[in-house]
Amino acid sequence: MPLTTEQQKMADETFALFDRDGNGEIDAKELGRMLQRMGQNPADAAKLLGQDDANRDGKINKAEYLQIFARVIGAPLELSKESLLQMFKSYDKNGDGELTTEEVRKLILGLTSDKRISTELVDDLLANADKSGNGKLNIEEFANFAAQNLKL
């Protein structure tokens, strides 16, 4: 079940509020202030950053933030097309419109807290998702993969 319209609006507003420089990312200090405003312990910012910074850049982008927001309010999260595209772009470092299977593996293992998910399982899932067989996922392959396999 996706966030309600009201929850999505609140998520967008709080993200914009704490993304003070408007760069589309929240650092640890901004995350702590956000948690405090949401009635949570600001000291949890470092823990959440370590847990939810899927691309390990030391910042929370909008897609990563939506995961935190949904968890904090207790709502299950289904990623929208916009969130998937944003997540894809945040991992597509060279901007070529494709993610290597290694990049997707890091993304998946970074997103999940399920210790039962092994690298081998992820590799098998990715092999099935890579319809072109080139060792990379384009946005369409990534979206299909995410819809079938990522339950965030």
N, C-alpha and C. Protein backbone atom coordinates (compact mmCIF):
# COMPACT_ATOMS: atom_id res chain seq x y z
N MET A 1 0.85 -1.18 0.00
CA MET A 1 0.00 0.00 0.00
C MET A 1 0.89 1.24 0.00
N PRO A 2 0.71 2.11 -0.96
CA PRO A 2 1.54 3.31 -1.02
C PRO A 2 1.14 4.33 0.04
N LEU A 3 1.98 5.34 0.19
CA LEU A 3 1.64 6.44 1.08
C LEU A 3 0.35 7.09 0.59
N THR A 4 -0.46 7.57 1.52
CA THR A 4 -1.65 8.30 1.12
C THR A 4 -1.23 9.63 0.51
N THR A 5 -2.15 10.29 -0.15
CA THR A 5 -1.86 11.60 -0.73
C THR A 5 -1.38 12.56 0.34
N GLU A 6 -2.03 12.53 1.49
CA GLU A 6 -1.66 13.41 2.59
C GLU A 6 -0.26 13.07 3.12
N GLN A 7 0.05 11.78 3.25
CA GLN A 7 1.37 11.36 3.72
C GLN A 7 2.45 11.74 2.70
N GLN A 8 2.15 11.58 1.41
CA GLN A 8 3.11 11.94 0.37
C GLN A 8 3.38 13.44 0.41
N LYS A 9 2.31 14.22 0.60
CA LYS A 9 2.47 15.67 0.68
C LYS A 9 3.34 16.04 1.88
N MET A 10 3.08 15.38 3.01
CA MET A 10 3.88 15.64 4.21
C MET A 10 5.33 15.24 3.97
N ALA A 11 5.56 14.11 3.32
CA ALA A 11 6.92 13.66 3.02
C ALA A 11 7.64 14.67 2.13
N ASP A 12 6.96 15.14 1.09
CA ASP A 12 7.55 16.12 0.18
C ASP A 12 7.87 17.42 0.91
N GLU A 13 6.93 17.87 1.74
CA GLU A 13 7.14 19.12 2.47
C GLU A 13 8.28 19.02 3.48
N THR A 14 8.34 17.90 4.21
CA THR A 14 9.40 17.78 5.21
C THR A 14 10.75 17.60 4.54
N PHE A 15 10.77 16.88 3.43
CA PHE A 15 12.04 16.74 2.71
C PHE A 15 12.53 18.11 2.26
N ALA A 16 11.66 18.89 1.63
CA ALA A 16 12.03 20.22 1.15
C ALA A 16 12.44 21.13 2.31
N LEU A 17 11.77 20.99 3.43
CA LEU A 17 12.08 21.80 4.60
C LEU A 17 13.51 21.55 5.10
N PHE A 18 13.92 20.30 5.08
CA PHE A 18 15.23 19.96 5.63
C PHE A 18 16.34 19.91 4.58
N ASP A 19 15.96 19.94 3.34
CA ASP A 19 16.96 20.04 2.26
C ASP A 19 17.21 21.53 2.06
N ARG A 20 17.91 22.13 3.00
CA ARG A 20 18.06 23.58 3.05
C ARG A 20 18.70 24.19 1.82
N ASP A 21 19.64 23.48 1.22
CA ASP A 21 20.30 24.06 0.04
C ASP A 21 19.62 23.66 -1.27
N GLY A 22 18.56 22.86 -1.18
CA GLY A 22 17.79 22.50 -2.36
C GLY A 22 18.51 21.59 -3.33
N ASN A 23 19.51 20.84 -2.85
CA ASN A 23 20.28 19.98 -3.75
C ASN A 23 19.70 18.58 -3.89
N GLY A 24 18.54 18.33 -3.26
CA GLY A 24 17.90 17.03 -3.39
C GLY A 24 18.46 15.98 -2.45
N GLU A 25 19.23 16.42 -1.43
CA GLU A 25 19.83 15.50 -0.48
C GLU A 25 19.80 16.10 0.92
N ILE A 26 19.73 15.22 1.92
CA ILE A 26 19.75 15.63 3.32
C ILE A 26 20.97 14.98 3.97
N ASP A 27 21.81 15.80 4.63
CA ASP A 27 22.97 15.23 5.31
C ASP A 27 22.57 14.84 6.74
N ALA A 28 23.51 14.30 7.51
CA ALA A 28 23.22 13.79 8.86
C ALA A 28 22.66 14.86 9.78
N LYS A 29 23.21 16.06 9.72
CA LYS A 29 22.74 17.14 10.58
C LYS A 29 21.30 17.51 10.24
N GLU A 30 21.02 17.63 8.95
CA GLU A 30 19.66 17.94 8.50
C GLU A 30 18.70 16.81 8.87
N LEU A 31 19.17 15.56 8.77
CA LEU A 31 18.34 14.41 9.12
C LEU A 31 18.00 14.42 10.61
N GLY A 32 18.96 14.77 11.45
CA GLY A 32 18.70 14.86 12.89
C GLY A 32 17.62 15.89 13.20
N ARG A 33 17.69 17.06 12.54
CA ARG A 33 16.66 18.08 12.74
C ARG A 33 15.30 17.59 12.26
N MET A 34 15.30 16.86 11.15
CA MET A 34 14.05 16.32 10.62
C MET A 34 13.43 15.34 11.61
N LEU A 35 14.24 14.44 12.16
CA LEU A 35 13.73 13.47 13.11
C LEU A 35 13.17 14.15 14.34
N GLN A 36 13.86 15.17 14.82
CA GLN A 36 13.39 15.90 15.99
C GLN A 36 12.01 16.52 15.72
N ARG A 37 11.86 17.11 14.55
CA ARG A 37 10.58 17.70 14.18
C ARG A 37 9.46 16.68 14.08
N MET A 38 9.83 15.44 13.74
CA MET A 38 8.84 14.37 13.60
C MET A 38 8.61 13.67 14.94
N GLY A 39 9.19 14.21 16.02
CA GLY A 39 8.99 13.64 17.34
C GLY A 39 9.87 12.44 17.63
N GLN A 40 10.91 12.27 16.84
CA GLN A 40 11.82 11.14 17.02
C GLN A 40 13.12 11.64 17.65
N ASN A 41 13.97 10.70 18.04
CA ASN A 41 15.24 11.03 18.66
C ASN A 41 16.24 11.46 17.58
N PRO A 42 16.73 12.71 17.63
CA PRO A 42 17.67 13.17 16.61
C PRO A 42 18.99 12.40 16.63
N ALA A 43 19.31 11.76 17.76
CA ALA A 43 20.53 10.97 17.84
C ALA A 43 20.46 9.73 16.93
N ASP A 44 19.26 9.38 16.49
CA ASP A 44 19.09 8.23 15.60
C ASP A 44 19.51 8.55 14.17
N ALA A 45 19.86 9.80 13.88
CA ALA A 45 20.21 10.20 12.52
C ALA A 45 21.37 9.38 11.96
N ALA A 46 22.42 9.21 12.75
CA ALA A 46 23.58 8.46 12.26
C ALA A 46 23.21 7.01 11.98
N LYS A 47 22.40 6.44 12.85
CA LYS A 47 21.96 5.05 12.65
C LYS A 47 21.14 4.94 11.37
N LEU A 48 20.18 5.84 11.20
CA LEU A 48 19.35 5.82 10.00
C LEU A 48 20.17 6.06 8.75
N LEU A 49 21.12 6.97 8.85
CA LEU A 49 21.97 7.25 7.70
C LEU A 49 22.75 6.00 7.31
N GLY A 50 23.29 5.31 8.29
CA GLY A 50 24.02 4.08 8.01
C GLY A 50 23.13 2.99 7.45
N GLN A 51 21.89 2.99 7.90
CA GLN A 51 20.92 1.98 7.51
C GLN A 51 20.28 2.29 6.16
N ASP A 52 20.00 3.55 5.89
CA ASP A 52 19.18 3.93 4.75
C ASP A 52 19.92 4.65 3.63
N ASP A 53 21.18 4.92 3.81
CA ASP A 53 21.95 5.57 2.76
C ASP A 53 22.41 4.47 1.80
N ALA A 54 21.48 4.04 0.95
CA ALA A 54 21.70 2.87 0.10
C ALA A 54 22.90 3.04 -0.82
N ASN A 55 23.14 4.23 -1.32
CA ASN A 55 24.27 4.42 -2.23
C ASN A 55 25.54 4.86 -1.50
N ARG A 56 25.47 4.89 -0.17
CA ARG A 56 26.62 5.15 0.70
C ARG A 56 27.38 6.42 0.36
N ASP A 57 26.63 7.49 0.07
CA ASP A 57 27.29 8.77 -0.23
C ASP A 57 27.28 9.72 0.96
N GLY A 58 26.78 9.25 2.12
CA GLY A 58 26.76 10.08 3.31
C GLY A 58 25.58 11.04 3.37
N LYS A 59 24.65 10.89 2.44
CA LYS A 59 23.47 11.76 2.37
C LYS A 59 22.24 10.91 2.05
N ILE A 60 21.10 11.48 2.35
CA ILE A 60 19.83 10.82 2.06
C ILE A 60 19.17 11.54 0.89
N ASN A 61 18.97 10.80 -0.22
CA ASN A 61 18.25 11.40 -1.35
C ASN A 61 16.75 11.17 -1.16
N LYS A 62 15.94 11.66 -2.06
CA LYS A 62 14.48 11.60 -1.88
C LYS A 62 13.97 10.17 -1.78
N ALA A 63 14.45 9.26 -2.62
CA ALA A 63 14.00 7.87 -2.57
C ALA A 63 14.37 7.23 -1.24
N GLU A 64 15.58 7.49 -0.76
CA GLU A 64 16.02 6.95 0.52
C GLU A 64 15.19 7.57 1.65
N TYR A 65 14.91 8.85 1.53
CA TYR A 65 14.12 9.55 2.54
C TYR A 65 12.72 8.96 2.66
N LEU A 66 12.11 8.62 1.54
CA LEU A 66 10.76 8.06 1.58
C LEU A 66 10.71 6.76 2.36
N GLN A 67 11.77 5.99 2.31
CA GLN A 67 11.84 4.76 3.10
C GLN A 67 11.84 5.08 4.60
N ILE A 68 12.65 6.06 4.98
CA ILE A 68 12.71 6.47 6.39
C ILE A 68 11.34 7.00 6.82
N PHE A 69 10.77 7.87 6.02
CA PHE A 69 9.49 8.49 6.35
C PHE A 69 8.42 7.41 6.55
N ALA A 70 8.34 6.47 5.62
CA ALA A 70 7.33 5.42 5.73
C ALA A 70 7.54 4.58 6.99
N ARG A 71 8.79 4.30 7.32
CA ARG A 71 9.08 3.51 8.52
C ARG A 71 8.73 4.29 9.78
N VAL A 72 9.07 5.57 9.81
CA VAL A 72 8.80 6.39 10.99
C VAL A 72 7.30 6.50 11.25
N ILE A 73 6.52 6.65 10.18
CA ILE A 73 5.07 6.76 10.38
C ILE A 73 4.38 5.40 10.38
N GLY A 74 5.15 4.35 10.13
CA GLY A 74 4.61 3.00 10.20
C GLY A 74 3.82 2.58 8.97
N ALA A 75 4.03 3.24 7.86
CA ALA A 75 3.29 2.90 6.65
C ALA A 75 4.15 2.02 5.75
N PRO A 76 3.52 1.03 5.13
CA PRO A 76 4.29 0.28 4.12
C PRO A 76 4.57 1.20 2.94
N LEU A 77 5.62 0.89 2.21
CA LEU A 77 6.03 1.77 1.13
C LEU A 77 6.07 1.03 -0.19
N GLU A 78 5.43 1.60 -1.17
CA GLU A 78 5.59 1.15 -2.55
C GLU A 78 6.20 2.32 -3.28
N LEU A 79 7.27 2.08 -3.99
CA LEU A 79 7.94 3.16 -4.69
C LEU A 79 7.16 3.58 -5.93
N SER A 80 7.02 4.86 -6.10
CA SER A 80 6.38 5.39 -7.30
C SER A 80 7.37 5.34 -8.45
N LYS A 81 6.86 5.54 -9.66
CA LYS A 81 7.74 5.59 -10.82
C LYS A 81 8.78 6.70 -10.66
N GLU A 82 8.34 7.84 -10.10
CA GLU A 82 9.25 8.96 -9.89
C GLU A 82 10.36 8.59 -8.91
N SER A 83 10.00 7.90 -7.83
CA SER A 83 11.00 7.49 -6.85
C SER A 83 11.97 6.47 -7.44
N LEU A 84 11.45 5.55 -8.24
CA LEU A 84 12.32 4.57 -8.89
C LEU A 84 13.28 5.26 -9.84
N LEU A 85 12.77 6.21 -10.60
CA LEU A 85 13.62 6.94 -11.54
C LEU A 85 14.70 7.70 -10.78
N GLN A 86 14.32 8.34 -9.68
CA GLN A 86 15.28 9.08 -8.88
C GLN A 86 16.34 8.14 -8.29
N MET A 87 15.89 6.98 -7.82
CA MET A 87 16.82 6.00 -7.27
C MET A 87 17.77 5.54 -8.38
N PHE A 88 17.21 5.25 -9.56
CA PHE A 88 18.02 4.82 -10.70
C PHE A 88 19.09 5.86 -11.02
N LYS A 89 18.67 7.12 -11.12
CA LYS A 89 19.60 8.19 -11.47
C LYS A 89 20.68 8.37 -10.41
N SER A 90 20.32 8.16 -9.13
CA SER A 90 21.32 8.35 -8.08
C SER A 90 22.41 7.29 -8.14
N TYR A 91 22.10 6.15 -8.73
CA TYR A 91 23.11 5.09 -8.88
C TYR A 91 23.79 5.11 -10.24
N ASP A 92 23.18 5.77 -11.21
CA ASP A 92 23.75 5.86 -12.56
C ASP A 92 24.77 7.00 -12.56
N LYS A 93 25.91 6.75 -11.94
CA LYS A 93 26.91 7.78 -11.71
C LYS A 93 27.45 8.40 -13.00
N ASN A 94 27.59 7.60 -14.06
CA ASN A 94 28.14 8.15 -15.30
C ASN A 94 27.07 8.66 -16.26
N GLY A 95 25.79 8.53 -15.86
CA GLY A 95 24.70 9.09 -16.64
C GLY A 95 24.45 8.42 -17.97
N ASP A 96 24.87 7.16 -18.11
CA ASP A 96 24.70 6.49 -19.40
C ASP A 96 23.34 5.79 -19.55
N GLY A 97 22.49 5.90 -18.54
CA GLY A 97 21.16 5.29 -18.63
C GLY A 97 21.15 3.81 -18.32
N GLU A 98 22.23 3.32 -17.76
CA GLU A 98 22.31 1.90 -17.39
C GLU A 98 23.02 1.77 -16.05
N LEU A 99 22.61 0.75 -15.32
CA LEU A 99 23.29 0.41 -14.07
C LEU A 99 23.96 -0.94 -14.27
N THR A 100 25.18 -1.05 -13.81
CA THR A 100 25.82 -2.36 -13.84
C THR A 100 25.13 -3.24 -12.81
N THR A 101 25.23 -4.53 -13.01
CA THR A 101 24.62 -5.43 -12.03
C THR A 101 25.30 -5.26 -10.67
N GLU A 102 26.57 -4.86 -10.65
CA GLU A 102 27.26 -4.59 -9.39
C GLU A 102 26.62 -3.41 -8.66
N GLU A 103 26.27 -2.36 -9.40
CA GLU A 103 25.61 -1.19 -8.79
C GLU A 103 24.25 -1.58 -8.22
N VAL A 104 23.51 -2.38 -8.96
CA VAL A 104 22.19 -2.81 -8.48
C VAL A 104 22.33 -3.74 -7.28
N ARG A 105 23.34 -4.60 -7.31
CA ARG A 105 23.59 -5.49 -6.17
C ARG A 105 23.83 -4.66 -4.90
N LYS A 106 24.67 -3.62 -5.00
CA LYS A 106 24.93 -2.76 -3.85
C LYS A 106 23.66 -2.07 -3.39
N LEU A 107 22.86 -1.60 -4.33
CA LEU A 107 21.61 -0.94 -3.99
C LEU A 107 20.71 -1.88 -3.20
N ILE A 108 20.51 -3.09 -3.70
CA ILE A 108 19.61 -4.05 -3.06
C ILE A 108 20.12 -4.43 -1.68
N LEU A 109 21.39 -4.79 -1.60
CA LEU A 109 21.93 -5.21 -0.32
C LEU A 109 21.94 -4.04 0.67
N GLY A 110 22.05 -2.81 0.17
CA GLY A 110 21.99 -1.64 1.03
C GLY A 110 20.59 -1.33 1.52
N LEU A 111 19.58 -1.69 0.73
CA LEU A 111 18.20 -1.38 1.09
C LEU A 111 17.59 -2.36 2.06
N THR A 112 18.03 -3.58 2.01
CA THR A 112 17.36 -4.61 2.79
C THR A 112 18.02 -4.82 4.14
N SER A 113 17.19 -5.13 5.11
CA SER A 113 17.71 -5.52 6.42
C SER A 113 17.55 -7.03 6.59
N ASP A 114 17.05 -7.70 5.55
CA ASP A 114 16.83 -9.13 5.60
C ASP A 114 18.16 -9.85 5.37
N LYS A 115 18.70 -10.43 6.42
CA LYS A 115 20.01 -11.08 6.35
C LYS A 115 19.96 -12.38 5.54
N ARG A 116 18.75 -12.84 5.20
CA ARG A 116 18.63 -14.08 4.43
C ARG A 116 18.92 -13.85 2.95
N ILE A 117 18.96 -12.60 2.53
CA ILE A 117 19.22 -12.31 1.13
C ILE A 117 20.72 -12.36 0.88
N SER A 118 21.11 -13.30 0.08
CA SER A 118 22.54 -13.48 -0.20
C SER A 118 22.92 -12.81 -1.51
N THR A 119 24.20 -12.62 -1.68
CA THR A 119 24.72 -12.08 -2.93
C THR A 119 24.34 -13.00 -4.09
N GLU A 120 24.37 -14.31 -3.84
CA GLU A 120 24.03 -15.27 -4.89
C GLU A 120 22.58 -15.13 -5.32
N LEU A 121 21.67 -14.94 -4.37
CA LEU A 121 20.26 -14.76 -4.70
C LEU A 121 20.08 -13.48 -5.52
N VAL A 122 20.73 -12.43 -5.10
CA VAL A 122 20.64 -11.17 -5.84
C VAL A 122 21.19 -11.35 -7.25
N ASP A 123 22.30 -12.06 -7.39
CA ASP A 123 22.88 -12.30 -8.71
C ASP A 123 21.92 -13.08 -9.61
N ASP A 124 21.24 -14.08 -9.04
CA ASP A 124 20.26 -14.85 -9.82
C ASP A 124 19.10 -13.96 -10.27
N LEU A 125 18.62 -13.13 -9.36
CA LEU A 125 17.52 -12.22 -9.70
C LEU A 125 17.95 -11.25 -10.81
N LEU A 126 19.17 -10.74 -10.68
CA LEU A 126 19.67 -9.79 -11.67
C LEU A 126 19.88 -10.45 -13.03
N ALA A 127 20.34 -11.67 -13.03
CA ALA A 127 20.53 -12.39 -14.30
C ALA A 127 19.20 -12.51 -15.04
N ASN A 128 18.13 -12.75 -14.29
CA ASN A 128 16.80 -12.83 -14.90
C ASN A 128 16.31 -11.47 -15.37
N ALA A 129 16.69 -10.42 -14.66
CA ALA A 129 16.23 -9.07 -15.01
C ALA A 129 16.97 -8.50 -16.22
N ASP A 130 18.20 -8.93 -16.43
CA ASP A 130 19.05 -8.41 -17.52
C ASP A 130 18.64 -9.09 -18.83
N LYS A 131 17.54 -8.62 -19.41
CA LYS A 131 16.98 -9.23 -20.62
C LYS A 131 17.93 -9.15 -21.81
N SER A 132 18.73 -8.08 -21.87
CA SER A 132 19.65 -7.92 -23.00
C SER A 132 20.92 -8.74 -22.82
N GLY A 133 21.18 -9.19 -21.60
CA GLY A 133 22.35 -10.02 -21.34
C GLY A 133 23.68 -9.27 -21.37
N ASN A 134 23.63 -7.94 -21.23
CA ASN A 134 24.86 -7.16 -21.32
C ASN A 134 25.50 -6.85 -19.96
N GLY A 135 24.95 -7.43 -18.89
CA GLY A 135 25.51 -7.19 -17.56
C GLY A 135 25.09 -5.86 -16.96
N LYS A 136 24.11 -5.21 -17.60
CA LYS A 136 23.61 -3.92 -17.13
C LYS A 136 22.08 -3.91 -17.19
N LEU A 137 21.49 -3.04 -16.37
CA LEU A 137 20.04 -2.85 -16.41
C LEU A 137 19.75 -1.44 -16.88
N ASN A 138 18.90 -1.31 -17.91
CA ASN A 138 18.42 0.02 -18.29
C ASN A 138 17.24 0.35 -17.39
N ILE A 139 16.67 1.52 -17.53
CA ILE A 139 15.61 1.95 -16.62
C ILE A 139 14.40 1.02 -16.69
N GLU A 140 14.06 0.55 -17.86
CA GLU A 140 12.91 -0.35 -18.00
C GLU A 140 13.17 -1.68 -17.29
N GLU A 141 14.35 -2.26 -17.51
CA GLU A 141 14.71 -3.50 -16.83
C GLU A 141 14.75 -3.30 -15.32
N PHE A 142 15.28 -2.16 -14.89
CA PHE A 142 15.36 -1.85 -13.47
C PHE A 142 13.96 -1.72 -12.86
N ALA A 143 13.07 -1.01 -13.54
CA ALA A 143 11.70 -0.81 -13.04
C ALA A 143 10.98 -2.15 -12.94
N ASN A 144 11.12 -2.99 -13.95
CA ASN A 144 10.49 -4.32 -13.91
C ASN A 144 11.06 -5.14 -12.77
N PHE A 145 12.38 -5.10 -12.62
CA PHE A 145 13.05 -5.81 -11.54
C PHE A 145 12.53 -5.33 -10.18
N ALA A 146 12.50 -4.01 -10.01
CA ALA A 146 12.06 -3.44 -8.73
C ALA A 146 10.62 -3.82 -8.42
N ALA A 147 9.75 -3.73 -9.42
CA ALA A 147 8.33 -4.05 -9.22
C ALA A 147 8.16 -5.51 -8.78
N GLN A 148 8.98 -6.38 -9.31
CA GLN A 148 8.85 -7.80 -9.00
C GLN A 148 9.58 -8.23 -7.74
N ASN A 149 10.63 -7.51 -7.37
CA ASN A 149 11.52 -8.03 -6.32
C ASN A 149 11.72 -7.13 -5.11
N LEU A 150 11.56 -5.84 -5.24
CA LEU A 150 11.83 -4.96 -4.11
C LEU A 150 10.56 -4.67 -3.34
N LYS A 151 10.48 -5.20 -2.16
CA LYS A 151 9.37 -4.92 -1.25
C LYS A 151 9.94 -4.11 -0.11
N LEU A 152 9.91 -2.80 -0.27
CA LEU A 152 10.56 -1.89 0.67
C LEU A 152 9.61 -1.47 1.76
